[in-house]
N, C-alpha and C. Protein backbone atom coordinates (compact mmCIF):
# COMPACT_ATOMS: atom_id res chain seq x y z
N MET A 1 0.92 -1.57 0.19
CA MET A 1 -0.07 -0.10 0.01
C MET A 1 1.07 1.23 -0.11
N SER A 2 1.78 1.06 0.85
CA SER A 2 2.91 2.79 0.60
C SER A 2 3.37 2.74 -1.09
N HIS A 3 3.71 1.71 -1.61
CA HIS A 3 4.27 1.87 -2.65
C HIS A 3 3.53 3.28 -3.60
N ASP A 4 2.23 2.89 -3.78
CA ASP A 4 1.30 3.98 -4.38
C ASP A 4 1.59 5.44 -3.69
N LEU A 5 1.54 5.56 -2.45
CA LEU A 5 2.03 6.59 -2.09
C LEU A 5 2.93 7.15 -1.99
N PHE A 6 4.14 6.42 -2.27
CA PHE A 6 5.46 6.78 -2.71
C PHE A 6 5.27 7.40 -4.43
N GLU A 7 5.16 6.58 -5.13
CA GLU A 7 4.47 7.19 -6.50
C GLU A 7 3.97 8.33 -6.14
N ALA A 8 2.56 8.68 -5.47
CA ALA A 8 2.31 10.04 -5.63
C ALA A 8 3.14 11.03 -5.29
N ALA A 9 4.00 10.67 -4.47
CA ALA A 9 5.37 11.72 -3.85
C ALA A 9 6.30 11.79 -4.80
N LYS A 10 6.54 10.83 -5.28
CA LYS A 10 7.42 11.02 -6.65
C LYS A 10 6.96 11.84 -7.69
N ALA A 11 5.73 11.54 -7.97
CA ALA A 11 5.11 12.58 -9.18
C ALA A 11 5.02 13.75 -8.89
N ALA A 12 4.83 14.39 -7.47
CA ALA A 12 4.86 15.47 -7.02
C ALA A 12 6.38 16.22 -7.14
N MET A 13 6.97 15.51 -6.59
CA MET A 13 8.36 16.02 -6.72
C MET A 13 8.73 16.60 -8.08
N ALA A 14 8.47 15.80 -9.07
CA ALA A 14 8.76 16.28 -10.61
C ALA A 14 8.12 17.96 -10.72
N LYS A 15 7.26 17.73 -9.84
CA LYS A 15 6.54 19.30 -10.31
C LYS A 15 7.08 20.34 -9.14
N SER A 16 8.24 19.92 -8.15
CA SER A 16 8.82 21.11 -7.67
C SER A 16 9.38 22.16 -7.99
N HIS A 17 9.22 23.28 -7.54
CA HIS A 17 9.73 24.84 -8.12
C HIS A 17 11.10 24.85 -7.02
N SER A 18 12.14 24.61 -7.45
CA SER A 18 13.55 24.78 -6.76
C SER A 18 14.50 25.06 -7.31
N PRO A 19 14.11 26.24 -8.17
CA PRO A 19 15.72 26.70 -8.83
C PRO A 19 17.06 27.20 -8.13
N TYR A 20 16.62 27.46 -6.52
CA TYR A 20 17.71 27.94 -5.97
C TYR A 20 18.81 27.11 -5.41
N SER A 21 17.79 25.98 -4.87
CA SER A 21 18.56 24.70 -4.02
C SER A 21 18.90 23.62 -4.98
N SER A 22 17.99 23.75 -5.89
CA SER A 22 18.30 22.20 -6.98
C SER A 22 17.84 20.81 -6.30
N PHE A 23 17.06 21.21 -5.14
CA PHE A 23 16.93 20.06 -4.63
C PHE A 23 15.66 19.76 -4.30
N PRO A 24 14.54 19.07 -5.49
CA PRO A 24 13.35 19.03 -5.05
C PRO A 24 12.89 17.78 -4.38
N VAL A 25 12.05 18.15 -3.75
CA VAL A 25 11.16 17.33 -2.46
C VAL A 25 9.65 17.24 -2.97
N GLY A 26 9.14 15.82 -2.81
CA GLY A 26 7.66 15.50 -2.91
C GLY A 26 7.25 14.78 -1.74
N ALA A 27 6.05 15.29 -1.18
CA ALA A 27 5.42 14.52 0.01
C ALA A 27 4.05 14.18 -0.87
N ALA A 28 3.48 13.04 0.05
CA ALA A 28 2.10 12.52 -0.14
C ALA A 28 1.70 12.01 0.97
N LEU A 29 0.38 12.04 1.51
CA LEU A 29 0.19 11.47 2.73
C LEU A 29 -1.53 11.11 2.44
N ARG A 30 -1.80 10.45 3.33
CA ARG A 30 -3.11 9.25 2.78
C ARG A 30 -3.90 9.44 4.29
N THR A 31 -5.40 9.60 4.00
CA THR A 31 -5.87 9.98 4.70
C THR A 31 -6.73 8.33 5.00
N ALA A 32 -7.11 8.24 6.35
CA ALA A 32 -7.84 6.48 6.82
C ALA A 32 -9.23 6.34 5.88
N ASP A 33 -9.48 7.38 4.93
CA ASP A 33 -10.45 6.78 3.96
C ASP A 33 -9.83 6.72 2.36
N GLY A 34 -8.83 6.71 2.63
CA GLY A 34 -7.85 6.15 1.20
C GLY A 34 -7.47 7.67 0.69
N ARG A 35 -8.11 8.63 0.83
CA ARG A 35 -7.72 9.86 -0.07
C ARG A 35 -6.13 10.16 -0.08
N VAL A 36 -5.38 10.29 -0.88
CA VAL A 36 -4.29 11.00 -1.28
C VAL A 36 -4.08 12.58 -1.62
N PHE A 37 -3.19 13.32 -0.77
CA PHE A 37 -2.86 14.53 -0.94
C PHE A 37 -1.34 14.62 -0.82
N ALA A 38 -1.17 15.00 -2.14
CA ALA A 38 0.62 15.31 -2.46
C ALA A 38 0.78 16.66 -2.64
N GLY A 39 2.27 16.93 -2.44
CA GLY A 39 2.98 18.35 -2.85
C GLY A 39 4.32 18.30 -3.12
N ALA A 40 4.92 19.63 -3.53
CA ALA A 40 6.24 19.64 -3.88
C ALA A 40 6.58 20.89 -3.10
N ASN A 41 8.19 21.01 -2.87
CA ASN A 41 8.78 22.40 -2.66
C ASN A 41 8.31 23.09 -3.30
N VAL A 42 8.33 24.40 -2.88
CA VAL A 42 8.30 25.77 -3.87
C VAL A 42 9.09 26.91 -3.51
N GLU A 43 10.41 27.27 -4.12
CA GLU A 43 11.09 27.91 -3.66
C GLU A 43 10.80 29.66 -4.37
N ILE A 44 11.24 30.44 -3.39
CA ILE A 44 10.82 31.80 -4.19
C ILE A 44 12.36 32.58 -3.81
N ALA A 45 12.28 33.80 -4.63
CA ALA A 45 13.85 34.40 -4.26
C ALA A 45 14.26 34.95 -3.36
N SER A 46 13.34 35.38 -2.24
CA SER A 46 13.45 35.55 -1.09
C SER A 46 13.87 34.33 0.15
N PHE A 47 15.12 33.14 -0.35
CA PHE A 47 15.28 32.09 -0.14
C PHE A 47 15.78 32.34 1.35
N PRO A 48 15.04 31.73 2.27
CA PRO A 48 14.74 30.34 2.49
C PRO A 48 12.84 30.79 2.36
N GLU A 49 12.45 31.64 2.14
CA GLU A 49 11.14 31.79 2.49
C GLU A 49 9.75 31.02 1.35
N GLY A 50 10.38 30.26 0.88
CA GLY A 50 9.23 29.22 0.29
C GLY A 50 8.78 28.26 1.35
N TRP A 51 7.99 27.14 0.81
CA TRP A 51 7.49 26.38 1.62
C TRP A 51 7.94 24.91 1.13
N CYS A 52 7.88 23.71 2.21
CA CYS A 52 8.23 22.59 2.08
C CYS A 52 7.00 21.81 1.33
N ALA A 53 7.38 20.59 0.42
CA ALA A 53 6.38 19.63 -0.02
C ALA A 53 5.41 18.97 1.08
N GLU A 54 5.67 18.65 2.45
CA GLU A 54 4.72 18.77 3.37
C GLU A 54 3.78 19.49 3.64
N THR A 55 3.99 20.70 3.63
CA THR A 55 3.44 22.15 3.85
C THR A 55 2.15 21.89 2.57
N THR A 56 2.67 21.75 1.53
CA THR A 56 2.01 21.75 0.42
C THR A 56 0.75 20.85 -0.02
N ALA A 57 1.43 19.62 0.63
CA ALA A 57 0.69 18.53 0.81
C ALA A 57 -0.74 18.36 1.89
N LEU A 58 -0.07 19.39 3.01
CA LEU A 58 -1.28 19.53 4.15
C LEU A 58 -2.13 20.62 3.79
N GLY A 59 -2.12 21.50 2.67
CA GLY A 59 -2.49 22.78 2.37
C GLY A 59 -3.59 22.23 1.44
N HIS A 60 -3.42 20.93 0.45
CA HIS A 60 -4.18 20.43 -0.47
C HIS A 60 -5.31 19.77 0.91
N TYR A 61 -4.46 18.57 1.51
CA TYR A 61 -5.33 18.14 2.72
C TYR A 61 -6.55 18.79 3.65
N ILE A 62 -6.04 20.01 4.01
CA ILE A 62 -6.68 20.74 4.60
C ILE A 62 -7.93 21.54 3.87
N MET A 63 -7.34 21.81 2.76
CA MET A 63 -8.62 22.50 1.64
C MET A 63 -9.73 21.37 1.51
N ALA A 64 -9.36 20.07 1.43
CA ALA A 64 -10.24 18.97 1.20
C ALA A 64 -11.24 18.86 2.08
N GLY A 65 -10.89 19.46 3.27
CA GLY A 65 -12.02 18.85 4.99
C GLY A 65 -10.92 18.05 5.59
N GLY A 66 -9.52 18.16 5.49
CA GLY A 66 -8.68 17.22 6.56
C GLY A 66 -9.04 15.48 6.28
N GLY A 67 -9.48 15.27 7.68
CA GLY A 67 -9.53 13.61 8.10
C GLY A 67 -8.37 13.25 8.70
N GLU A 68 -8.48 12.20 9.36
CA GLU A 68 -7.32 11.29 10.34
C GLU A 68 -6.30 10.59 8.79
N ILE A 69 -4.86 11.15 9.21
CA ILE A 69 -3.94 10.89 8.41
C ILE A 69 -2.97 9.72 9.07
N SER A 70 -3.55 8.67 7.76
CA SER A 70 -3.00 7.45 8.02
C SER A 70 -1.24 7.10 7.75
N GLU A 71 -0.83 7.42 6.80
CA GLU A 71 0.58 7.30 6.59
C GLU A 71 1.16 8.88 5.74
N ILE A 72 2.22 8.74 5.74
CA ILE A 72 3.21 9.77 5.09
C ILE A 72 4.17 9.26 4.30
N ALA A 73 4.54 9.99 2.99
CA ALA A 73 5.73 9.43 2.15
C ALA A 73 6.36 10.72 1.87
N VAL A 74 7.69 10.76 1.93
CA VAL A 74 8.64 11.78 1.60
C VAL A 74 9.60 11.07 0.56
N VAL A 75 9.94 11.84 -0.52
CA VAL A 75 11.26 11.78 -1.42
C VAL A 75 12.27 13.06 -2.08
N ALA A 76 12.92 12.89 -2.09
CA ALA A 76 13.82 13.97 -2.35
C ALA A 76 14.74 13.22 -3.67
N ALA A 77 14.77 14.21 -4.76
CA ALA A 77 15.55 13.52 -5.95
C ALA A 77 17.10 13.32 -5.43
N ARG A 78 17.75 14.00 -4.82
CA ARG A 78 19.38 13.98 -4.29
C ARG A 78 19.58 13.53 -2.92
N MET A 79 18.69 12.64 -2.41
CA MET A 79 18.71 12.32 -1.01
C MET A 79 18.63 11.33 -0.94
N ASP A 80 19.22 10.12 -0.02
CA ASP A 80 18.18 8.72 0.02
C ASP A 80 17.53 8.97 1.73
N LYS A 81 16.61 8.58 1.45
CA LYS A 81 16.04 8.16 2.86
C LYS A 81 15.93 9.62 3.46
N VAL A 82 15.35 10.63 2.73
CA VAL A 82 15.07 12.31 3.35
C VAL A 82 13.66 12.09 4.55
N THR A 83 14.26 12.89 5.61
CA THR A 83 13.22 12.90 6.69
C THR A 83 12.46 14.61 6.64
N PRO A 84 11.24 14.64 6.87
CA PRO A 84 10.48 15.88 7.18
C PRO A 84 11.73 16.82 7.56
N CYS A 85 11.84 17.88 7.58
CA CYS A 85 12.67 19.09 8.41
C CYS A 85 12.25 19.06 9.83
N GLY A 86 12.39 20.08 10.08
CA GLY A 86 11.98 19.91 11.64
C GLY A 86 10.74 20.70 12.04
N GLY A 87 10.42 21.65 10.93
CA GLY A 87 9.05 22.56 10.95
C GLY A 87 8.05 21.86 10.45
N CYS A 88 8.56 21.07 9.38
CA CYS A 88 7.21 19.85 8.92
C CYS A 88 7.24 18.65 9.86
N ARG A 89 7.93 18.73 10.48
CA ARG A 89 7.58 17.32 11.67
C ARG A 89 6.71 17.73 12.62
N GLN A 90 6.89 19.12 13.04
CA GLN A 90 5.98 19.80 13.99
C GLN A 90 4.50 20.11 13.20
N ARG A 91 4.54 20.44 11.90
CA ARG A 91 3.26 20.81 11.25
C ARG A 91 2.74 19.42 10.63
N LEU A 92 3.37 18.29 10.50
CA LEU A 92 2.80 17.17 10.31
C LEU A 92 1.99 16.71 11.77
N ALA A 93 2.89 16.58 12.47
CA ALA A 93 2.38 16.24 14.07
C ALA A 93 1.23 16.95 14.89
N GLU A 94 0.51 18.22 13.91
CA GLU A 94 -0.31 18.94 14.58
C GLU A 94 -1.91 18.15 13.82
N PHE A 95 -1.53 17.09 12.68
CA PHE A 95 -2.70 16.34 12.22
C PHE A 95 -2.61 15.03 11.91
N THR A 96 -1.59 14.49 12.92
CA THR A 96 -1.54 12.75 12.72
C THR A 96 -1.25 12.89 14.58
N ARG A 97 -1.13 11.20 14.55
CA ARG A 97 -1.15 10.69 16.06
C ARG A 97 0.48 10.10 16.17
N PRO A 98 1.13 9.82 16.98
CA PRO A 98 2.40 9.35 17.38
C PRO A 98 2.91 8.49 16.53
N SER A 99 1.51 7.22 16.14
CA SER A 99 1.70 6.33 15.47
C SER A 99 1.31 6.18 14.04
N THR A 100 1.29 7.35 13.71
CA THR A 100 1.26 7.70 11.93
C THR A 100 2.43 7.23 11.92
N LYS A 101 2.38 6.28 10.31
CA LYS A 101 3.62 5.94 9.61
C LYS A 101 4.18 6.95 8.79
N VAL A 102 5.51 7.26 8.62
CA VAL A 102 5.97 7.82 7.87
C VAL A 102 6.84 6.91 7.06
N HIS A 103 6.69 7.27 5.58
CA HIS A 103 7.78 6.37 5.10
C HIS A 103 9.01 7.29 4.18
N LEU A 104 10.34 6.86 4.36
CA LEU A 104 11.13 7.64 4.13
C LEU A 104 11.72 7.17 2.53
N CYS A 105 11.72 7.62 1.76
CA CYS A 105 12.15 7.03 -0.11
C CYS A 105 13.24 7.83 -0.56
N ASP A 106 13.73 6.63 -1.28
CA ASP A 106 14.69 7.21 -2.08
C ASP A 106 14.16 6.96 -3.63
N ALA A 107 14.85 7.33 -4.64
CA ALA A 107 14.29 7.20 -5.97
C ALA A 107 13.60 6.02 -6.13
N ASN A 108 13.67 5.06 -5.59
CA ASN A 108 13.28 3.72 -6.07
C ASN A 108 12.10 3.05 -5.05
N GLY A 109 11.66 4.20 -4.28
CA GLY A 109 10.82 3.60 -3.24
C GLY A 109 10.91 3.80 -1.44
N VAL A 110 10.32 3.10 -0.93
CA VAL A 110 10.40 3.13 0.67
C VAL A 110 11.47 2.55 1.12
N VAL A 111 12.49 3.19 1.87
CA VAL A 111 13.80 2.81 2.13
C VAL A 111 13.54 2.16 3.73
N GLU A 112 12.73 3.29 4.75
CA GLU A 112 12.70 2.76 5.97
C GLU A 112 11.42 3.38 6.48
N THR A 113 10.60 3.19 7.53
CA THR A 113 9.36 3.57 7.60
C THR A 113 9.40 3.70 9.26
N VAL A 114 9.30 4.83 10.13
CA VAL A 114 9.46 4.87 10.90
C VAL A 114 7.94 5.67 11.53
N THR A 115 7.89 5.97 12.84
CA THR A 115 6.41 6.51 13.17
C THR A 115 6.86 8.22 13.46
N MET A 116 5.52 8.83 13.83
CA MET A 116 5.61 10.27 13.92
C MET A 116 6.30 10.42 15.54
N GLY A 117 5.62 9.67 16.50
CA GLY A 117 6.45 9.72 17.67
C GLY A 117 7.73 9.15 17.69
N GLU A 118 8.35 8.80 16.76
CA GLU A 118 9.96 8.58 16.55
C GLU A 118 10.57 9.69 16.12
N MET A 119 9.96 10.45 14.91
CA MET A 119 10.39 11.52 14.60
C MET A 119 10.65 12.70 15.13
N LEU A 120 9.65 12.87 15.97
CA LEU A 120 9.24 14.34 17.11
C LEU A 120 8.69 13.83 18.19
N PRO A 121 9.89 13.20 18.98
CA PRO A 121 9.36 12.61 20.34
C PRO A 121 9.01 13.70 21.29
N TYR A 122 9.46 15.22 21.31
CA TYR A 122 9.19 16.04 21.83
C TYR A 122 8.33 17.08 21.56
N GLY A 123 7.47 16.99 20.87
CA GLY A 123 7.13 18.02 19.60
C GLY A 123 5.65 18.73 20.87
N PHE A 124 5.64 19.61 20.38
CA PHE A 124 4.39 20.23 21.10
C PHE A 124 3.34 19.91 20.38
N ASP A 125 2.52 19.96 21.38
CA ASP A 125 1.06 19.18 21.80
C ASP A 125 0.09 20.57 21.57
N GLY A 126 -0.58 20.41 20.76
CA GLY A 126 -1.85 21.56 20.65
C GLY A 126 -2.49 21.52 22.08
N GLU A 127 -2.74 20.79 22.53
CA GLU A 127 -3.57 20.97 23.86
C GLU A 127 -2.62 21.82 25.02
N THR A 128 -1.43 21.79 24.87
CA THR A 128 -0.46 22.47 25.57
C THR A 128 -0.71 24.03 25.48
N LEU A 129 -1.04 24.35 24.43
CA LEU A 129 -1.56 25.85 23.80
C LEU A 129 -2.62 26.07 24.45
N ARG A 130 -3.67 25.19 24.92
CA ARG A 130 -5.00 25.53 24.81
C ARG A 130 -5.06 26.18 26.42
């Protein structure tokens, strides 16, 4: 099941706008009801004020009504087993559970699967801010 999520992330990566870093990234997330939302990183001249692939995917997910996220895949063209950056780990944690699977991919597929809890063990919890 994670292979199709990888393929969605890889297809998104092909649409990356990364003229400054030449570091295209793609991400895709799947909701519990099977919907897939993908995104690519977008860089602007005021580097590093662009946004990450995970942020783009989350934007599509939120605009479509959200839901429980069951798994995430992230791929970069020039890095094996890429992980979400620190900011994206927190963004993803806002919409997932510690047990949500995160598939770390290379250009051929999933290399390793971890959980959000393993990726961000001490992340901020929205409940803390209430």
